[in-house]
Amino acid sequence: LAGEVVTLSQVQDAVIQGRAESRFIVAASPTRINQDNLFYRAHNPAGEGKCRKKVQEEAGQENSFTCRCGSRGIPAQETLLRYMVRLCLADCSTYEWAIMFDAETLFGCTAQQLHELRQESEEEFQKKVEQLLFVEQLWTVGGKMEAYQGENLSLIHI
């Protein structure tokens, strides 16, 4: 299956059979893009490499963040918005919810730029999202099995 275009059903089967670490190419269309939590604020230390782990604002300290890597008191300029897009992909065989972290190619802008567009004009933001729906594209996806509330679920990531 490597290198050839496969269906989402074939990806799901491969994940169930334990070949989850493989990458697959699928021709699918996004049918829904979840607009809640499209972004997260990540640690972006200057000159120290790329942490990119999620940060949380410190209680009572505006523009000061704590990272999952253990760093505290991180100033806002050492953070950036990153994509975490949940979208439903569909092809001729089935549909599957997927998570996409590097979505600059999908939206044609950075997470910060899309966030600013949404703040400036919800209408323009909606147009940008809606123009992506039901347009078939090639996607490189992977998958893995995860347990959630005692149930095994396949998780597709882009």
N, C-alpha and C. Protein backbone atom coordinates (compact mmCIF):
# COMPACT_ATOMS: atom_id res chain seq x y z
N LEU A 1 0.80 -1.21 0.00
CA LEU A 1 0.00 0.00 0.00
C LEU A 1 0.85 1.27 0.00
N ALA A 2 2.10 1.15 0.40
CA ALA A 2 2.96 2.33 0.50
C ALA A 2 3.15 2.97 -0.87
N GLY A 3 2.93 4.29 -0.95
CA GLY A 3 3.14 5.02 -2.19
C GLY A 3 1.95 5.09 -3.11
N GLU A 4 0.96 4.21 -2.93
CA GLU A 4 -0.21 4.25 -3.79
C GLU A 4 -1.37 4.91 -3.05
N VAL A 5 -2.31 5.44 -3.81
CA VAL A 5 -3.49 6.07 -3.21
C VAL A 5 -4.42 4.96 -2.75
N VAL A 6 -4.83 5.04 -1.49
CA VAL A 6 -5.71 4.03 -0.91
C VAL A 6 -6.97 4.71 -0.39
N THR A 7 -7.95 3.92 0.00
CA THR A 7 -9.18 4.47 0.56
C THR A 7 -9.05 4.60 2.07
N LEU A 8 -9.92 5.39 2.64
CA LEU A 8 -9.94 5.52 4.10
C LEU A 8 -10.26 4.19 4.77
N SER A 9 -11.09 3.37 4.13
CA SER A 9 -11.39 2.03 4.67
C SER A 9 -10.12 1.19 4.76
N GLN A 10 -9.28 1.28 3.74
CA GLN A 10 -8.03 0.53 3.77
C GLN A 10 -7.10 1.03 4.88
N VAL A 11 -7.11 2.33 5.12
CA VAL A 11 -6.31 2.88 6.23
C VAL A 11 -6.86 2.35 7.55
N GLN A 12 -8.17 2.39 7.73
CA GLN A 12 -8.78 1.89 8.96
C GLN A 12 -8.42 0.42 9.17
N ASP A 13 -8.49 -0.38 8.11
CA ASP A 13 -8.13 -1.80 8.22
C ASP A 13 -6.67 -1.98 8.63
N ALA A 14 -5.79 -1.18 8.04
CA ALA A 14 -4.36 -1.27 8.37
C ALA A 14 -4.12 -0.91 9.83
N VAL A 15 -4.83 0.09 10.33
CA VAL A 15 -4.68 0.49 11.74
C VAL A 15 -5.15 -0.65 12.64
N ILE A 16 -6.27 -1.24 12.32
CA ILE A 16 -6.81 -2.36 13.12
C ILE A 16 -5.85 -3.54 13.10
N GLN A 17 -5.19 -3.77 11.96
CA GLN A 17 -4.25 -4.89 11.83
C GLN A 17 -2.87 -4.59 12.42
N GLY A 18 -2.71 -3.39 12.99
CA GLY A 18 -1.45 -3.07 13.64
C GLY A 18 -0.39 -2.45 12.75
N ARG A 19 -0.74 -2.07 11.54
CA ARG A 19 0.23 -1.40 10.65
C ARG A 19 0.05 0.11 10.76
N ALA A 20 -0.16 0.57 11.97
CA ALA A 20 -0.51 1.96 12.20
C ALA A 20 0.62 2.93 11.94
N GLU A 21 1.84 2.49 12.04
CA GLU A 21 2.96 3.41 11.87
C GLU A 21 3.21 3.76 10.41
N SER A 22 2.56 3.09 9.51
CA SER A 22 2.71 3.37 8.09
C SER A 22 2.06 4.69 7.74
N ARG A 23 2.52 5.31 6.67
CA ARG A 23 1.90 6.52 6.13
C ARG A 23 1.16 6.11 4.86
N PHE A 24 0.01 6.69 4.65
CA PHE A 24 -0.83 6.36 3.51
C PHE A 24 -1.22 7.63 2.77
N ILE A 25 -1.47 7.50 1.49
CA ILE A 25 -1.98 8.61 0.69
C ILE A 25 -3.43 8.30 0.37
N VAL A 26 -4.33 9.23 0.73
CA VAL A 26 -5.74 9.05 0.43
C VAL A 26 -6.25 10.26 -0.36
N ALA A 27 -7.19 10.01 -1.23
CA ALA A 27 -7.89 11.09 -1.94
C ALA A 27 -9.23 11.25 -1.24
N ALA A 28 -9.37 12.34 -0.51
CA ALA A 28 -10.58 12.54 0.30
C ALA A 28 -10.93 14.02 0.33
N SER A 29 -12.15 14.28 0.77
CA SER A 29 -12.64 15.65 0.90
C SER A 29 -13.00 15.93 2.34
N PRO A 30 -12.62 17.10 2.84
CA PRO A 30 -13.10 17.47 4.17
C PRO A 30 -14.59 17.78 4.08
N THR A 31 -15.39 17.15 4.93
CA THR A 31 -16.82 17.41 4.94
C THR A 31 -17.22 18.29 6.11
N ARG A 32 -16.34 18.35 7.09
CA ARG A 32 -16.59 19.21 8.25
C ARG A 32 -15.26 19.57 8.88
N ILE A 33 -15.13 20.82 9.29
CA ILE A 33 -13.95 21.28 10.02
C ILE A 33 -14.46 21.82 11.34
N ASN A 34 -14.05 21.18 12.43
CA ASN A 34 -14.48 21.62 13.75
C ASN A 34 -13.80 22.95 14.06
N GLN A 35 -14.59 23.98 14.26
CA GLN A 35 -14.04 25.33 14.45
C GLN A 35 -13.76 25.66 15.91
N ASP A 36 -14.13 24.77 16.82
CA ASP A 36 -13.80 24.95 18.23
C ASP A 36 -12.36 24.48 18.43
N ASN A 37 -11.61 25.26 19.13
CA ASN A 37 -10.23 24.87 19.47
C ASN A 37 -9.38 24.55 18.24
N LEU A 38 -9.40 25.42 17.26
CA LEU A 38 -8.56 25.26 16.07
C LEU A 38 -7.08 25.48 16.37
N PHE A 39 -6.81 26.16 17.49
CA PHE A 39 -5.44 26.56 17.80
C PHE A 39 -5.11 26.20 19.24
N TYR A 40 -3.82 26.13 19.51
CA TYR A 40 -3.36 26.10 20.89
C TYR A 40 -2.10 26.94 20.98
N ARG A 41 -1.87 27.50 22.15
CA ARG A 41 -0.67 28.31 22.37
C ARG A 41 0.44 27.36 22.77
N ALA A 42 1.59 27.48 22.06
CA ALA A 42 2.71 26.56 22.26
C ALA A 42 3.97 27.31 22.67
N HIS A 43 4.82 26.60 23.37
CA HIS A 43 6.12 27.13 23.79
C HIS A 43 7.02 27.21 22.55
N ASN A 44 7.64 28.34 22.34
CA ASN A 44 8.52 28.56 21.21
C ASN A 44 9.78 29.29 21.71
N PRO A 45 10.64 28.55 22.44
CA PRO A 45 11.80 29.22 23.04
C PRO A 45 12.76 29.77 22.00
N ALA A 46 13.26 30.97 22.24
CA ALA A 46 14.21 31.60 21.32
C ALA A 46 15.56 30.92 21.43
N GLY A 47 16.08 30.44 20.30
CA GLY A 47 17.42 29.88 20.23
C GLY A 47 17.63 28.56 20.95
N GLU A 48 16.58 27.96 21.51
CA GLU A 48 16.74 26.71 22.25
C GLU A 48 16.13 25.52 21.52
N GLY A 49 15.87 25.63 20.27
CA GLY A 49 15.19 24.54 19.58
C GLY A 49 13.69 24.76 19.62
N LYS A 50 12.96 23.74 19.24
CA LYS A 50 11.51 23.86 19.15
C LYS A 50 10.85 22.94 20.16
N CYS A 51 10.32 23.50 21.21
CA CYS A 51 9.58 22.72 22.20
C CYS A 51 8.18 22.42 21.64
N ARG A 52 7.45 23.46 21.33
CA ARG A 52 6.11 23.39 20.73
C ARG A 52 5.06 22.65 21.58
N LYS A 53 5.34 22.45 22.85
CA LYS A 53 4.34 21.85 23.73
C LYS A 53 3.36 22.91 24.17
N LYS A 54 2.17 22.47 24.51
CA LYS A 54 1.10 23.38 24.91
C LYS A 54 1.48 24.10 26.20
N VAL A 55 1.17 25.39 26.24
CA VAL A 55 1.39 26.18 27.45
C VAL A 55 0.04 26.62 28.01
N GLN A 56 0.04 26.93 29.31
CA GLN A 56 -1.15 27.46 29.96
C GLN A 56 -0.77 28.75 30.66
N GLU A 57 -1.69 29.68 30.64
CA GLU A 57 -1.43 30.95 31.31
C GLU A 57 -1.36 30.70 32.81
N GLU A 58 -0.37 31.30 33.45
CA GLU A 58 -0.22 31.14 34.89
C GLU A 58 -1.32 31.89 35.61
N ALA A 59 -1.85 31.28 36.64
CA ALA A 59 -2.96 31.88 37.40
C ALA A 59 -2.56 33.25 37.94
N GLY A 60 -3.38 34.24 37.63
CA GLY A 60 -3.17 35.59 38.13
C GLY A 60 -2.01 36.34 37.48
N GLN A 61 -1.40 35.76 36.46
CA GLN A 61 -0.25 36.38 35.80
C GLN A 61 -0.55 36.50 34.31
N GLU A 62 -1.05 37.65 33.89
CA GLU A 62 -1.38 37.85 32.49
C GLU A 62 -0.11 37.82 31.63
N ASN A 63 -0.17 37.15 30.48
CA ASN A 63 0.95 37.02 29.54
C ASN A 63 2.17 36.34 30.13
N SER A 64 1.97 35.43 31.08
CA SER A 64 3.03 34.60 31.63
C SER A 64 2.52 33.17 31.61
N PHE A 65 3.31 32.27 31.03
CA PHE A 65 2.83 30.92 30.76
C PHE A 65 3.71 29.86 31.40
N THR A 66 3.12 28.68 31.60
CA THR A 66 3.82 27.50 32.08
C THR A 66 3.70 26.44 30.99
N CYS A 67 4.82 25.75 30.71
CA CYS A 67 4.85 24.73 29.66
C CYS A 67 4.86 23.34 30.28
N ARG A 68 4.35 22.38 29.53
CA ARG A 68 4.39 20.98 29.95
C ARG A 68 5.82 20.46 30.04
N CYS A 69 6.77 21.15 29.40
CA CYS A 69 8.17 20.73 29.46
C CYS A 69 8.82 21.10 30.79
N GLY A 70 8.08 21.85 31.62
CA GLY A 70 8.58 22.23 32.93
C GLY A 70 8.96 23.69 33.07
N SER A 71 9.07 24.40 31.97
CA SER A 71 9.42 25.82 32.03
C SER A 71 8.27 26.63 32.61
N ARG A 72 8.63 27.63 33.43
CA ARG A 72 7.63 28.51 34.05
C ARG A 72 7.98 29.95 33.75
N GLY A 73 6.99 30.81 33.88
CA GLY A 73 7.22 32.24 33.67
C GLY A 73 7.61 32.59 32.25
N ILE A 74 7.07 31.86 31.30
CA ILE A 74 7.39 32.08 29.89
C ILE A 74 6.65 33.33 29.41
N PRO A 75 7.37 34.32 28.85
CA PRO A 75 6.69 35.51 28.33
C PRO A 75 5.92 35.19 27.04
N ALA A 76 4.91 35.99 26.76
CA ALA A 76 4.06 35.75 25.59
C ALA A 76 4.86 35.71 24.29
N GLN A 77 5.94 36.50 24.18
CA GLN A 77 6.72 36.52 22.94
C GLN A 77 7.48 35.22 22.70
N GLU A 78 7.56 34.34 23.72
CA GLU A 78 8.18 33.04 23.53
C GLU A 78 7.13 31.94 23.33
N THR A 79 5.93 32.36 22.91
CA THR A 79 4.87 31.42 22.57
C THR A 79 4.35 31.75 21.18
N LEU A 80 3.64 30.81 20.59
CA LEU A 80 3.00 31.07 19.31
C LEU A 80 1.75 30.22 19.21
N LEU A 81 0.84 30.66 18.35
CA LEU A 81 -0.35 29.85 18.09
C LEU A 81 0.00 28.78 17.08
N ARG A 82 -0.47 27.56 17.36
CA ARG A 82 -0.28 26.44 16.43
C ARG A 82 -1.65 25.86 16.12
N TYR A 83 -1.73 25.23 14.95
CA TYR A 83 -2.98 24.58 14.55
C TYR A 83 -3.14 23.25 15.28
N MET A 84 -4.39 22.93 15.58
CA MET A 84 -4.81 21.59 15.99
C MET A 84 -6.22 21.43 15.43
N VAL A 85 -6.29 21.08 14.16
CA VAL A 85 -7.56 21.07 13.43
C VAL A 85 -8.15 19.66 13.41
N ARG A 86 -9.37 19.56 13.90
CA ARG A 86 -10.11 18.29 13.79
C ARG A 86 -11.02 18.43 12.58
N LEU A 87 -10.86 17.52 11.63
CA LEU A 87 -11.68 17.58 10.43
C LEU A 87 -12.16 16.19 10.06
N CYS A 88 -13.30 16.15 9.43
CA CYS A 88 -13.87 14.89 8.97
C CYS A 88 -13.54 14.74 7.49
N LEU A 89 -12.79 13.68 7.17
CA LEU A 89 -12.45 13.38 5.78
C LEU A 89 -13.37 12.28 5.28
N ALA A 90 -13.79 12.39 4.02
CA ALA A 90 -14.66 11.37 3.43
C ALA A 90 -14.17 11.04 2.04
N ASP A 91 -14.29 9.76 1.70
CA ASP A 91 -14.02 9.32 0.33
C ASP A 91 -15.14 8.37 -0.09
N CYS A 92 -14.94 7.63 -1.16
CA CYS A 92 -15.99 6.76 -1.68
C CYS A 92 -16.28 5.57 -0.76
N SER A 93 -15.38 5.31 0.22
CA SER A 93 -15.54 4.12 1.05
C SER A 93 -16.12 4.41 2.44
N THR A 94 -15.78 5.54 3.03
CA THR A 94 -16.22 5.84 4.39
C THR A 94 -15.82 7.26 4.75
N TYR A 95 -15.95 7.59 6.02
CA TYR A 95 -15.45 8.87 6.53
C TYR A 95 -14.66 8.59 7.80
N GLU A 96 -13.82 9.53 8.17
CA GLU A 96 -13.00 9.38 9.38
C GLU A 96 -12.63 10.75 9.90
N TRP A 97 -12.73 10.94 11.20
CA TRP A 97 -12.25 12.17 11.82
C TRP A 97 -10.74 12.09 11.94
N ALA A 98 -10.08 13.19 11.65
CA ALA A 98 -8.61 13.23 11.68
C ALA A 98 -8.17 14.49 12.41
N ILE A 99 -6.93 14.48 12.85
CA ILE A 99 -6.32 15.65 13.49
C ILE A 99 -5.16 16.11 12.63
N MET A 100 -5.11 17.41 12.38
CA MET A 100 -4.05 18.00 11.55
C MET A 100 -3.38 19.11 12.35
N PHE A 101 -2.06 18.98 12.56
CA PHE A 101 -1.32 19.97 13.34
C PHE A 101 -0.64 21.01 12.45
N ASP A 102 -0.15 20.63 11.32
CA ASP A 102 0.51 21.58 10.41
C ASP A 102 -0.45 21.91 9.28
N ALA A 103 -1.37 22.83 9.56
CA ALA A 103 -2.45 23.12 8.62
C ALA A 103 -2.23 24.41 7.83
N GLU A 104 -1.00 24.91 7.81
CA GLU A 104 -0.74 26.13 7.03
C GLU A 104 -1.02 25.92 5.55
N THR A 105 -0.70 24.73 5.04
CA THR A 105 -0.97 24.47 3.62
C THR A 105 -2.47 24.37 3.35
N LEU A 106 -3.23 23.88 4.32
CA LEU A 106 -4.68 23.77 4.15
C LEU A 106 -5.33 25.15 4.10
N PHE A 107 -4.98 26.00 5.06
CA PHE A 107 -5.61 27.31 5.17
C PHE A 107 -4.88 28.40 4.38
N GLY A 108 -3.64 28.16 4.01
CA GLY A 108 -2.87 29.15 3.25
C GLY A 108 -2.37 30.30 4.11
N CYS A 109 -2.31 30.09 5.42
CA CYS A 109 -1.81 31.12 6.34
C CYS A 109 -1.42 30.46 7.66
N THR A 110 -0.72 31.22 8.49
CA THR A 110 -0.33 30.70 9.79
C THR A 110 -1.54 30.66 10.73
N ALA A 111 -1.40 29.96 11.82
CA ALA A 111 -2.46 29.91 12.82
C ALA A 111 -2.73 31.31 13.37
N GLN A 112 -1.68 32.09 13.58
CA GLN A 112 -1.83 33.46 14.08
C GLN A 112 -2.63 34.31 13.09
N GLN A 113 -2.33 34.18 11.80
CA GLN A 113 -3.04 34.95 10.78
C GLN A 113 -4.52 34.56 10.71
N LEU A 114 -4.81 33.26 10.80
CA LEU A 114 -6.21 32.82 10.75
C LEU A 114 -6.95 33.29 12.01
N HIS A 115 -6.28 33.24 13.15
CA HIS A 115 -6.88 33.72 14.40
C HIS A 115 -7.22 35.21 14.28
N GLU A 116 -6.29 35.98 13.73
CA GLU A 116 -6.52 37.42 13.56
C GLU A 116 -7.67 37.68 12.58
N LEU A 117 -7.74 36.89 11.50
CA LEU A 117 -8.84 37.03 10.55
C LEU A 117 -10.17 36.79 11.26
N ARG A 118 -10.23 35.77 12.10
CA ARG A 118 -11.46 35.47 12.82
C ARG A 118 -11.85 36.61 13.75
N GLN A 119 -10.85 37.22 14.40
CA GLN A 119 -11.13 38.35 15.30
C GLN A 119 -11.62 39.57 14.52
N GLU A 120 -11.07 39.78 13.32
CA GLU A 120 -11.44 40.94 12.51
C GLU A 120 -12.79 40.77 11.84
N SER A 121 -13.06 39.55 11.31
CA SER A 121 -14.30 39.33 10.57
C SER A 121 -14.68 37.85 10.61
N GLU A 122 -15.67 37.55 11.43
CA GLU A 122 -16.16 36.17 11.51
C GLU A 122 -16.69 35.72 10.14
N GLU A 123 -17.27 36.63 9.39
CA GLU A 123 -17.82 36.31 8.07
C GLU A 123 -16.71 35.88 7.11
N GLU A 124 -15.60 36.61 7.07
CA GLU A 124 -14.48 36.25 6.19
C GLU A 124 -13.84 34.94 6.64
N PHE A 125 -13.76 34.75 7.94
CA PHE A 125 -13.23 33.49 8.49
C PHE A 125 -14.10 32.32 8.02
N GLN A 126 -15.42 32.47 8.16
CA GLN A 126 -16.34 31.40 7.74
C GLN A 126 -16.20 31.09 6.25
N LYS A 127 -16.05 32.12 5.43
CA LYS A 127 -15.86 31.92 3.99
C LYS A 127 -14.60 31.10 3.73
N LYS A 128 -13.52 31.44 4.43
CA LYS A 128 -12.25 30.73 4.24
C LYS A 128 -12.39 29.26 4.59
N VAL A 129 -13.08 28.96 5.69
CA VAL A 129 -13.28 27.58 6.10
C VAL A 129 -14.20 26.85 5.12
N GLU A 130 -15.30 27.47 4.76
CA GLU A 130 -16.29 26.83 3.90
C GLU A 130 -15.75 26.53 2.50
N GLN A 131 -14.82 27.33 1.99
CA GLN A 131 -14.28 27.08 0.65
C GLN A 131 -13.43 25.81 0.61
N LEU A 132 -13.04 25.30 1.77
CA LEU A 132 -12.23 24.08 1.84
C LEU A 132 -13.07 22.80 1.85
N LEU A 133 -14.36 22.95 2.17
CA LEU A 133 -15.23 21.78 2.31
C LEU A 133 -15.59 21.18 0.96
N PHE A 134 -15.64 19.86 0.92
CA PHE A 134 -16.07 19.07 -0.24
C PHE A 134 -15.17 19.26 -1.46
N VAL A 135 -13.91 19.60 -1.21
CA VAL A 135 -12.92 19.71 -2.28
C VAL A 135 -11.93 18.56 -2.10
N GLU A 136 -11.93 17.64 -3.06
CA GLU A 136 -11.05 16.47 -2.92
C GLU A 136 -9.59 16.87 -3.06
N GLN A 137 -8.77 16.32 -2.17
CA GLN A 137 -7.33 16.56 -2.17
C GLN A 137 -6.63 15.25 -1.82
N LEU A 138 -5.34 15.22 -2.08
CA LEU A 138 -4.53 14.10 -1.61
C LEU A 138 -4.02 14.44 -0.21
N TRP A 139 -4.13 13.50 0.69
CA TRP A 139 -3.71 13.67 2.08
C TRP A 139 -2.73 12.55 2.43
N THR A 140 -1.68 12.86 3.12
CA THR A 140 -0.79 11.84 3.66
C THR A 140 -1.19 11.66 5.11
N VAL A 141 -1.66 10.47 5.45
CA VAL A 141 -2.19 10.21 6.79
C VAL A 141 -1.49 9.02 7.43
N GLY A 142 -1.59 8.97 8.72
CA GLY A 142 -1.14 7.82 9.51
C GLY A 142 -2.26 7.51 10.49
N GLY A 143 -2.05 6.50 11.28
CA GLY A 143 -3.09 6.16 12.23
C GLY A 143 -2.56 5.32 13.36
N LYS A 144 -3.35 5.25 14.42
CA LYS A 144 -3.00 4.39 15.55
C LYS A 144 -4.27 4.05 16.30
N MET A 145 -4.18 2.99 17.08
CA MET A 145 -5.30 2.60 17.93
C MET A 145 -5.10 3.25 19.30
N GLU A 146 -6.18 3.80 19.84
CA GLU A 146 -6.13 4.38 21.17
C GLU A 146 -7.33 3.89 21.96
N ALA A 147 -7.15 3.72 23.25
CA ALA A 147 -8.25 3.34 24.12
C ALA A 147 -8.88 4.61 24.68
N TYR A 148 -10.20 4.68 24.61
CA TYR A 148 -10.93 5.81 25.16
C TYR A 148 -12.16 5.26 25.86
N GLN A 149 -12.25 5.49 27.16
CA GLN A 149 -13.35 4.99 27.99
C GLN A 149 -13.58 3.50 27.76
N GLY A 150 -12.48 2.75 27.76
CA GLY A 150 -12.56 1.30 27.63
C GLY A 150 -12.82 0.77 26.24
N GLU A 151 -12.86 1.67 25.26
CA GLU A 151 -13.13 1.26 23.88
C GLU A 151 -11.92 1.54 23.01
N ASN A 152 -11.57 0.62 22.12
CA ASN A 152 -10.49 0.85 21.19
C ASN A 152 -10.99 1.65 19.99
N LEU A 153 -10.31 2.74 19.69
CA LEU A 153 -10.70 3.60 18.58
C LEU A 153 -9.49 3.80 17.68
N SER A 154 -9.75 3.88 16.38
CA SER A 154 -8.65 4.24 15.46
C SER A 154 -8.58 5.75 15.38
N LEU A 155 -7.37 6.27 15.37
CA LEU A 155 -7.13 7.71 15.31
C LEU A 155 -6.30 8.00 14.09
N ILE A 156 -6.83 8.81 13.19
CA ILE A 156 -6.12 9.18 11.97
C ILE A 156 -5.50 10.55 12.18
N HIS A 157 -4.24 10.69 11.79
CA HIS A 157 -3.59 11.99 11.89
C HIS A 157 -2.97 12.34 10.55
N ILE A 158 -2.93 13.63 10.28
CA ILE A 158 -2.43 14.13 9.01
C ILE A 158 -1.08 14.75 9.24
